[in-house]
Amino acid sequence: MVLASFRNSHSVWKIGAFDVVCGLVSLAGLAFWAFVHEPTVALAAFVGADQVAGLPTVRKSWLAPSTESPRVFIMGSLTVASRY
């Protein structure tokens, strides 16, 4: 699904330098998380990587709000909330 989304010729958003940098920083944080043997530092690296990975979505929703659906965010929030 993810790979197919990149090949969509009708998509509004194209991957730019900001998206690539966020992806690389996120992957570096995940690699650090996988190799560090200190639980608190590993958790901080994982949370940081997760936050950086979400930045392109926040940027896209700010610059092109018509391409986002509030319903998707609400459903995602309900899914997370239902696990607790």
PDB file of N, CA and C in Angstrom:
ATOM      1  N   MET A   1       0.809  -1.178   0.000  1.00  0.00           N
ATOM      2  CA  MET A   1       0.000   0.000   0.000  1.00  0.00           C
ATOM      3  C   MET A   1       0.865   1.260   0.000  1.00  0.00           C
ATOM      4  N   VAL A   2       1.867   1.262   0.862  1.00  0.00           N
ATOM      5  CA  VAL A   2       2.729   2.445   0.956  1.00  0.00           C
ATOM      6  C   VAL A   2       3.455   2.682  -0.358  1.00  0.00           C
ATOM      7  N   LEU A   3       4.012   1.630  -0.921  1.00  0.00           N
ATOM      8  CA  LEU A   3       4.726   1.783  -2.193  1.00  0.00           C
ATOM      9  C   LEU A   3       3.790   2.249  -3.304  1.00  0.00           C
ATOM     10  N   ALA A   4       2.575   1.738  -3.329  1.00  0.00           N
ATOM     11  CA  ALA A   4       1.612   2.153  -4.349  1.00  0.00           C
ATOM     12  C   ALA A   4       1.249   3.624  -4.188  1.00  0.00           C
ATOM     13  N   SER A   5       1.220   4.111  -2.976  1.00  0.00           N
ATOM     14  CA  SER A   5       0.866   5.515  -2.758  1.00  0.00           C
ATOM     15  C   SER A   5       1.912   6.463  -3.342  1.00  0.00           C
ATOM     16  N   PHE A   6       3.164   6.028  -3.416  1.00  0.00           N
ATOM     17  CA  PHE A   6       4.203   6.872  -3.995  1.00  0.00           C
ATOM     18  C   PHE A   6       4.104   6.941  -5.519  1.00  0.00           C
ATOM     19  N   ARG A   7       3.454   5.977  -6.114  1.00  0.00           N
ATOM     20  CA  ARG A   7       3.352   5.925  -7.569  1.00  0.00           C
ATOM     21  C   ARG A   7       2.053   6.532  -8.093  1.00  0.00           C
ATOM     22  N   ASN A   8       1.243   7.088  -7.221  1.00  0.00           N
ATOM     23  CA  ASN A   8      -0.022   7.687  -7.613  1.00  0.00           C
ATOM     24  C   ASN A   8       0.234   8.985  -8.379  1.00  0.00           C
ATOM     25  N   SER A   9      -0.076   8.990  -9.660  1.00  0.00           N
ATOM     26  CA  SER A   9       0.193  10.178 -10.490  1.00  0.00           C
ATOM     27  C   SER A   9      -0.764  11.329 -10.183  1.00  0.00           C
ATOM     28  N   HIS A  10      -1.864  11.059  -9.511  1.00  0.00           N
ATOM     29  CA  HIS A  10      -2.838  12.092  -9.169  1.00  0.00           C
ATOM     30  C   HIS A  10      -2.636  12.659  -7.771  1.00  0.00           C
ATOM     31  N   SER A  11      -1.596  12.238  -7.089  1.00  0.00           N
ATOM     32  CA  SER A  11      -1.408  12.704  -5.718  1.00  0.00           C
ATOM     33  C   SER A  11      -1.077  14.194  -5.713  1.00  0.00           C
ATOM     34  N   VAL A  12      -1.488  14.851  -4.654  1.00  0.00           N
ATOM     35  CA  VAL A  12      -1.282  16.285  -4.522  1.00  0.00           C
ATOM     36  C   VAL A  12       0.139  16.581  -4.059  1.00  0.00           C
ATOM     37  N   TRP A  13       0.673  15.712  -3.246  1.00  0.00           N
ATOM     38  CA  TRP A  13       1.950  15.978  -2.593  1.00  0.00           C
ATOM     39  C   TRP A  13       3.053  15.145  -3.219  1.00  0.00           C
ATOM     40  N   LYS A  14       4.184  15.751  -3.408  1.00  0.00           N
ATOM     41  CA  LYS A  14       5.377  15.059  -3.903  1.00  0.00           C
ATOM     42  C   LYS A  14       6.428  15.048  -2.797  1.00  0.00           C
ATOM     43  N   ILE A  15       7.242  14.022  -2.757  1.00  0.00           N
ATOM     44  CA  ILE A  15       8.289  13.916  -1.744  1.00  0.00           C
ATOM     45  C   ILE A  15       9.374  14.937  -2.058  1.00  0.00           C
ATOM     46  N   GLY A  16       9.712  15.735  -1.042  1.00  0.00           N
ATOM     47  CA  GLY A  16      10.740  16.758  -1.202  1.00  0.00           C
ATOM     48  C   GLY A  16      11.894  16.525  -0.245  1.00  0.00           C
ATOM     49  N   ALA A  17      12.788  17.478  -0.193  1.00  0.00           N
ATOM     50  CA  ALA A  17      13.977  17.365   0.656  1.00  0.00           C
ATOM     51  C   ALA A  17      13.597  17.265   2.132  1.00  0.00           C
ATOM     52  N   PHE A  18      12.591  18.032   2.559  1.00  0.00           N
ATOM     53  CA  PHE A  18      12.157  17.984   3.958  1.00  0.00           C
ATOM     54  C   PHE A  18      11.675  16.589   4.341  1.00  0.00           C
ATOM     55  N   ASP A  19      10.909  15.967   3.455  1.00  0.00           N
ATOM     56  CA  ASP A  19      10.395  14.622   3.708  1.00  0.00           C
ATOM     57  C   ASP A  19      11.535  13.607   3.816  1.00  0.00           C
ATOM     58  N   VAL A  20      12.506  13.728   2.939  1.00  0.00           N
ATOM     59  CA  VAL A  20      13.641  12.804   2.944  1.00  0.00           C
ATOM     60  C   VAL A  20      14.472  12.978   4.216  1.00  0.00           C
ATOM     61  N   VAL A  21      14.734  14.226   4.595  1.00  0.00           N
ATOM     62  CA  VAL A  21      15.521  14.484   5.812  1.00  0.00           C
ATOM     63  C   VAL A  21      14.792  13.933   7.036  1.00  0.00           C
ATOM     64  N   CYS A  22      13.495  14.179   7.128  1.00  0.00           N
ATOM     65  CA  CYS A  22      12.725  13.645   8.267  1.00  0.00           C
ATOM     66  C   CYS A  22      12.770  12.121   8.289  1.00  0.00           C
ATOM     67  N   GLY A  23      12.666  11.509   7.130  1.00  0.00           N
ATOM     68  CA  GLY A  23      12.735  10.052   7.057  1.00  0.00           C
ATOM     69  C   GLY A  23      14.090   9.519   7.495  1.00  0.00           C
ATOM     70  N   LEU A  24      15.157  10.176   7.067  1.00  0.00           N
ATOM     71  CA  LEU A  24      16.498   9.731   7.446  1.00  0.00           C
ATOM     72  C   LEU A  24      16.759   9.927   8.942  1.00  0.00           C
ATOM     73  N   VAL A  25      16.317  11.065   9.490  1.00  0.00           N
ATOM     74  CA  VAL A  25      16.482  11.306  10.930  1.00  0.00           C
ATOM     75  C   VAL A  25      15.677  10.281  11.722  1.00  0.00           C
ATOM     76  N   SER A  26      14.481   9.978  11.252  1.00  0.00           N
ATOM     77  CA  SER A  26      13.647   8.990  11.924  1.00  0.00           C
ATOM     78  C   SER A  26      14.290   7.607  11.883  1.00  0.00           C
ATOM     79  N   LEU A  27      14.816   7.225  10.745  1.00  0.00           N
ATOM     80  CA  LEU A  27      15.495   5.927  10.639  1.00  0.00           C
ATOM     81  C   LEU A  27      16.741   5.874  11.519  1.00  0.00           C
ATOM     82  N   ALA A  28      17.476   6.977  11.591  1.00  0.00           N
ATOM     83  CA  ALA A  28      18.655   7.021  12.465  1.00  0.00           C
ATOM     84  C   ALA A  28      18.234   6.862  13.930  1.00  0.00           C
ATOM     85  N   GLY A  29      17.132   7.508  14.312  1.00  0.00           N
ATOM     86  CA  GLY A  29      16.633   7.358  15.677  1.00  0.00           C
ATOM     87  C   GLY A  29      16.208   5.935  15.978  1.00  0.00           C
ATOM     88  N   LEU A  30      15.580   5.286  15.010  1.00  0.00           N
ATOM     89  CA  LEU A  30      15.181   3.888  15.209  1.00  0.00           C
ATOM     90  C   LEU A  30      16.394   2.965  15.292  1.00  0.00           C
ATOM     91  N   ALA A  31      17.409   3.234  14.467  1.00  0.00           N
ATOM     92  CA  ALA A  31      18.634   2.425  14.537  1.00  0.00           C
ATOM     93  C   ALA A  31      19.312   2.612  15.888  1.00  0.00           C
ATOM     94  N   PHE A  32      19.362   3.844  16.356  1.00  0.00           N
ATOM     95  CA  PHE A  32      19.946   4.111  17.669  1.00  0.00           C
ATOM     96  C   PHE A  32      19.162   3.383  18.754  1.00  0.00           C
ATOM     97  N   TRP A  33      17.846   3.424  18.655  1.00  0.00           N
ATOM     98  CA  TRP A  33      16.964   2.738  19.610  1.00  0.00           C
ATOM     99  C   TRP A  33      17.256   1.236  19.624  1.00  0.00           C
ATOM    100  N   ALA A  34      17.495   0.655  18.448  1.00  0.00           N
ATOM    101  CA  ALA A  34      17.723  -0.787  18.358  1.00  0.00           C
ATOM    102  C   ALA A  34      19.063  -1.204  18.949  1.00  0.00           C
ATOM    103  N   PHE A  35      20.063  -0.327  18.912  1.00  0.00           N
ATOM    104  CA  PHE A  35      21.401  -0.722  19.330  1.00  0.00           C
ATOM    105  C   PHE A  35      21.815  -0.255  20.719  1.00  0.00           C
ATOM    106  N   VAL A  36      21.104   0.690  21.298  1.00  0.00           N
ATOM    107  CA  VAL A  36      21.482   1.183  22.619  1.00  0.00           C
ATOM    108  C   VAL A  36      20.936   0.221  23.680  1.00  0.00           C
ATOM    109  N   HIS A  37      21.688   0.054  24.729  1.00  0.00           N
ATOM    110  CA  HIS A  37      21.284  -0.892  25.775  1.00  0.00           C
ATOM    111  C   HIS A  37      20.853  -0.180  27.047  1.00  0.00           C
ATOM    112  N   GLU A  38      20.459   1.065  26.926  1.00  0.00           N
ATOM    113  CA  GLU A  38      19.966   1.844  28.055  1.00  0.00           C
ATOM    114  C   GLU A  38      18.482   2.130  27.797  1.00  0.00           C
ATOM    115  N   PRO A  39      17.582   1.533  28.584  1.00  0.00           N
ATOM    116  CA  PRO A  39      16.150   1.632  28.282  1.00  0.00           C
ATOM    117  C   PRO A  39      15.613   3.058  28.177  1.00  0.00           C
ATOM    118  N   THR A  40      16.013   3.949  29.063  1.00  0.00           N
ATOM    119  CA  THR A  40      15.486   5.314  29.038  1.00  0.00           C
ATOM    120  C   THR A  40      15.947   6.054  27.791  1.00  0.00           C
ATOM    121  N   VAL A  41      17.204   5.911  27.441  1.00  0.00           N
ATOM    122  CA  VAL A  41      17.740   6.567  26.245  1.00  0.00           C
ATOM    123  C   VAL A  41      17.090   5.966  24.997  1.00  0.00           C
ATOM    124  N   ALA A  42      16.910   4.664  24.992  1.00  0.00           N
ATOM    125  CA  ALA A  42      16.273   4.001  23.854  1.00  0.00           C
ATOM    126  C   ALA A  42      14.837   4.490  23.684  1.00  0.00           C
ATOM    127  N   LEU A  43      14.121   4.637  24.773  1.00  0.00           N
ATOM    128  CA  LEU A  43      12.747   5.126  24.696  1.00  0.00           C
ATOM    129  C   LEU A  43      12.699   6.550  24.164  1.00  0.00           C
ATOM    130  N   ALA A  44      13.601   7.390  24.638  1.00  0.00           N
ATOM    131  CA  ALA A  44      13.657   8.774  24.154  1.00  0.00           C
ATOM    132  C   ALA A  44      13.973   8.804  22.650  1.00  0.00           C
ATOM    133  N   ALA A  45      14.879   7.944  22.202  1.00  0.00           N
ATOM    134  CA  ALA A  45      15.226   7.884  20.774  1.00  0.00           C
ATOM    135  C   ALA A  45      14.032   7.423  19.950  1.00  0.00           C
ATOM    136  N   PHE A  46      13.307   6.452  20.461  1.00  0.00           N
ATOM    137  CA  PHE A  46      12.142   5.939  19.741  1.00  0.00           C
ATOM    138  C   PHE A  46      11.048   7.009  19.636  1.00  0.00           C
ATOM    139  N   VAL A  47      10.777   7.680  20.742  1.00  0.00           N
ATOM    140  CA  VAL A  47       9.752   8.733  20.741  1.00  0.00           C
ATOM    141  C   VAL A  47      10.171   9.880  19.816  1.00  0.00           C
ATOM    142  N   GLY A  48      11.429  10.272  19.879  1.00  0.00           N
ATOM    143  CA  GLY A  48      11.924  11.322  18.999  1.00  0.00           C
ATOM    144  C   GLY A  48      11.810  10.940  17.529  1.00  0.00           C
ATOM    145  N   ALA A  49      12.175   9.701  17.212  1.00  0.00           N
ATOM    146  CA  ALA A  49      12.084   9.227  15.830  1.00  0.00           C
ATOM    147  C   ALA A  49      10.635   9.231  15.357  1.00  0.00           C
ATOM    148  N   ASP A  50       9.727   8.842  16.228  1.00  0.00           N
ATOM    149  CA  ASP A  50       8.312   8.814  15.879  1.00  0.00           C
ATOM    150  C   ASP A  50       7.788  10.226  15.631  1.00  0.00           C
ATOM    151  N   GLN A  51       8.205  11.180  16.443  1.00  0.00           N
ATOM    152  CA  GLN A  51       7.769  12.569  16.272  1.00  0.00           C
ATOM    153  C   GLN A  51       8.305  13.161  14.970  1.00  0.00           C
ATOM    154  N   VAL A  52       9.564  12.908  14.664  1.00  0.00           N
ATOM    155  CA  VAL A  52      10.153  13.433  13.434  1.00  0.00           C
ATOM    156  C   VAL A  52       9.481  12.798  12.210  1.00  0.00           C
ATOM    157  N   ALA A  53       9.129  11.526  12.307  1.00  0.00           N
ATOM    158  CA  ALA A  53       8.469  10.850  11.187  1.00  0.00           C
ATOM    159  C   ALA A  53       7.100  11.464  10.886  1.00  0.00           C
ATOM    160  N   GLY A  54       6.461  12.050  11.879  1.00  0.00           N
ATOM    161  CA  GLY A  54       5.154  12.660  11.673  1.00  0.00           C
ATOM    162  C   GLY A  54       5.189  14.079  11.149  1.00  0.00           C
ATOM    163  N   LEU A  55       6.347  14.716  11.170  1.00  0.00           N
ATOM    164  CA  LEU A  55       6.448  16.114  10.734  1.00  0.00           C
ATOM    165  C   LEU A  55       6.005  16.349   9.283  1.00  0.00           C
ATOM    166  N   PRO A  56       6.362  15.478   8.330  1.00  0.00           N
ATOM    167  CA  PRO A  56       5.884  15.722   6.963  1.00  0.00           C
ATOM    168  C   PRO A  56       4.353  15.730   6.855  1.00  0.00           C
ATOM    169  N   THR A  57       3.688  14.906   7.633  1.00  0.00           N
ATOM    170  CA  THR A  57       2.220  14.890   7.611  1.00  0.00           C
ATOM    171  C   THR A  57       1.663  16.188   8.173  1.00  0.00           C
ATOM    172  N   VAL A  58       2.249  16.674   9.263  1.00  0.00           N
ATOM    173  CA  VAL A  58       1.810  17.938   9.847  1.00  0.00           C
ATOM    174  C   VAL A  58       2.040  19.078   8.852  1.00  0.00           C
ATOM    175  N   ARG A  59       3.193  19.082   8.216  1.00  0.00           N
ATOM    176  CA  ARG A  59       3.510  20.126   7.236  1.00  0.00           C
ATOM    177  C   ARG A  59       2.534  20.093   6.064  1.00  0.00           C
ATOM    178  N   LYS A  60       2.250  18.893   5.563  1.00  0.00           N
ATOM    179  CA  LYS A  60       1.319  18.756   4.441  1.00  0.00           C
ATOM    180  C   LYS A  60      -0.078  19.230   4.838  1.00  0.00           C
ATOM    181  N   SER A  61      -0.521  18.875   6.026  1.00  0.00           N
ATOM    182  CA  SER A  61      -1.857  19.292   6.454  1.00  0.00           C
ATOM    183  C   SER A  61      -1.930  20.803   6.655  1.00  0.00           C
ATOM    184  N   TRP A  62      -0.807  21.431   6.975  1.00  0.00           N
ATOM    185  CA  TRP A  62      -0.773  22.888   7.137  1.00  0.00           C
ATOM    186  C   TRP A  62      -0.778  23.587   5.772  1.00  0.00           C
ATOM    187  N   LEU A  63       0.017  23.055   4.840  1.00  0.00           N
ATOM    188  CA  LEU A  63       0.152  23.697   3.534  1.00  0.00           C
ATOM    189  C   LEU A  63      -0.977  23.349   2.561  1.00  0.00           C
ATOM    190  N   ALA A  64      -1.560  22.177   2.705  1.00  0.00           N
ATOM    191  CA  ALA A  64      -2.639  21.754   1.797  1.00  0.00           C
ATOM    192  C   ALA A  64      -3.757  21.100   2.612  1.00  0.00           C
ATOM    193  N   PRO A  65      -4.478  21.877   3.407  1.00  0.00           N
ATOM    194  CA  PRO A  65      -5.490  21.298   4.297  1.00  0.00           C
ATOM    195  C   PRO A  65      -6.630  20.591   3.572  1.00  0.00           C
ATOM    196  N   SER A  66      -6.885  20.956   2.338  1.00  0.00           N
ATOM    197  CA  SER A  66      -7.980  20.308   1.616  1.00  0.00           C
ATOM    198  C   SER A  66      -7.672  18.850   1.279  1.00  0.00           C
ATOM    199  N   THR A  67      -6.410  18.456   1.377  1.00  0.00           N
ATOM    200  CA  THR A  67      -6.039  17.070   1.061  1.00  0.00           C
ATOM    201  C   THR A  67      -6.170  16.145   2.273  1.00  0.00           C
ATOM    202  N   GLU A  68      -6.470  16.699   3.417  1.00  0.00           N
ATOM    203  CA  GLU A  68      -6.586  15.907   4.637  1.00  0.00           C
ATOM    204  C   GLU A  68      -8.049  15.784   5.049  1.00  0.00           C
ATOM    205  N   SER A  69      -8.362  14.701   5.702  1.00  0.00           N
ATOM    206  CA  SER A  69      -9.722  14.464   6.172  1.00  0.00           C
ATOM    207  C   SER A  69      -9.726  14.391   7.690  1.00  0.00           C
ATOM    208  N   PRO A  70     -10.515  15.210   8.367  1.00  0.00           N
ATOM    209  CA  PRO A  70     -10.577  15.135   9.830  1.00  0.00           C
ATOM    210  C   PRO A  70     -11.030  13.753  10.302  1.00  0.00           C
ATOM    211  N   ARG A  71     -11.827  13.109   9.490  1.00  0.00           N
ATOM    212  CA  ARG A  71     -12.340  11.781   9.854  1.00  0.00           C
ATOM    213  C   ARG A  71     -11.203  10.774  10.081  1.00  0.00           C
ATOM    214  N   VAL A  72     -10.174  10.828   9.247  1.00  0.00           N
ATOM    215  CA  VAL A  72      -9.046   9.901   9.385  1.00  0.00           C
ATOM    216  C   VAL A  72      -8.329  10.139  10.716  1.00  0.00           C
ATOM    217  N   PHE A  73      -8.099  11.390  11.078  1.00  0.00           N
ATOM    218  CA  PHE A  73      -7.424  11.698  12.337  1.00  0.00           C
ATOM    219  C   PHE A  73      -8.277  11.313  13.536  1.00  0.00           C
ATOM    220  N   ILE A  74      -9.573  11.541  13.448  1.00  0.00           N
ATOM    221  CA  ILE A  74     -10.474  11.174  14.546  1.00  0.00           C
ATOM    222  C   ILE A  74     -10.503   9.659  14.722  1.00  0.00           C
ATOM    223  N   MET A  75     -10.608   8.932  13.633  1.00  0.00           N
ATOM    224  CA  MET A  75     -10.626   7.464  13.713  1.00  0.00           C
ATOM    225  C   MET A  75      -9.302   6.936  14.269  1.00  0.00           C
ATOM    226  N   GLY A  76      -8.193   7.534  13.869  1.00  0.00           N
ATOM    227  CA  GLY A  76      -6.892   7.122  14.408  1.00  0.00           C
ATOM    228  C   GLY A  76      -6.801   7.379  15.901  1.00  0.00           C
ATOM    229  N   SER A  77      -7.323   8.518  16.337  1.00  0.00           N
ATOM    230  CA  SER A  77      -7.317   8.836  17.768  1.00  0.00           C
ATOM    231  C   SER A  77      -8.190   7.866  18.553  1.00  0.00           C
ATOM    232  N   LEU A  78      -9.331   7.535  17.994  1.00  0.00           N
ATOM    233  CA  LEU A  78     -10.228   6.584  18.675  1.00  0.00           C
ATOM    234  C   LEU A  78      -9.597   5.198  18.754  1.00  0.00           C
ATOM    235  N   THR A  79      -8.869   4.816  17.730  1.00  0.00           N
ATOM    236  CA  THR A  79      -8.207   3.510  17.731  1.00  0.00           C
ATOM    237  C   THR A  79      -7.168   3.449  18.841  1.00  0.00           C
ATOM    238  N   VAL A  80      -6.382   4.501  18.984  1.00  0.00           N
ATOM    239  CA  VAL A  80      -5.363   4.542  20.044  1.00  0.00           C
ATOM    240  C   VAL A  80      -6.038   4.581  21.408  1.00  0.00           C
ATOM    241  N   ALA A  81      -7.076   5.396  21.540  1.00  0.00           N
ATOM    242  CA  ALA A  81      -7.757   5.540  22.823  1.00  0.00           C
ATOM    243  C   ALA A  81      -8.426   4.236  23.243  1.00  0.00           C
ATOM    244  N   SER A  82      -8.899   3.444  22.275  1.00  0.00           N
ATOM    245  CA  SER A  82      -9.596   2.200  22.613  1.00  0.00           C
ATOM    246  C   SER A  82      -8.644   1.129  23.141  1.00  0.00           C
ATOM    247  N   ARG A  83      -7.366   1.294  22.939  1.00  0.00           N
ATOM    248  CA  ARG A  83      -6.385   0.302  23.418  1.00  0.00           C
ATOM    249  C   ARG A  83      -6.096   0.464  24.897  1.00  0.00           C
ATOM    250  N   TYR A  84      -6.476   1.580  25.466  1.00  0.00           N
ATOM    251  CA  TYR A  84      -6.197   1.822  26.876  1.00  0.00           C
ATOM    252  C   TYR A  84      -7.443   1.718  27.649  1.00  0.00           C
TER     253      TYR A  84
END
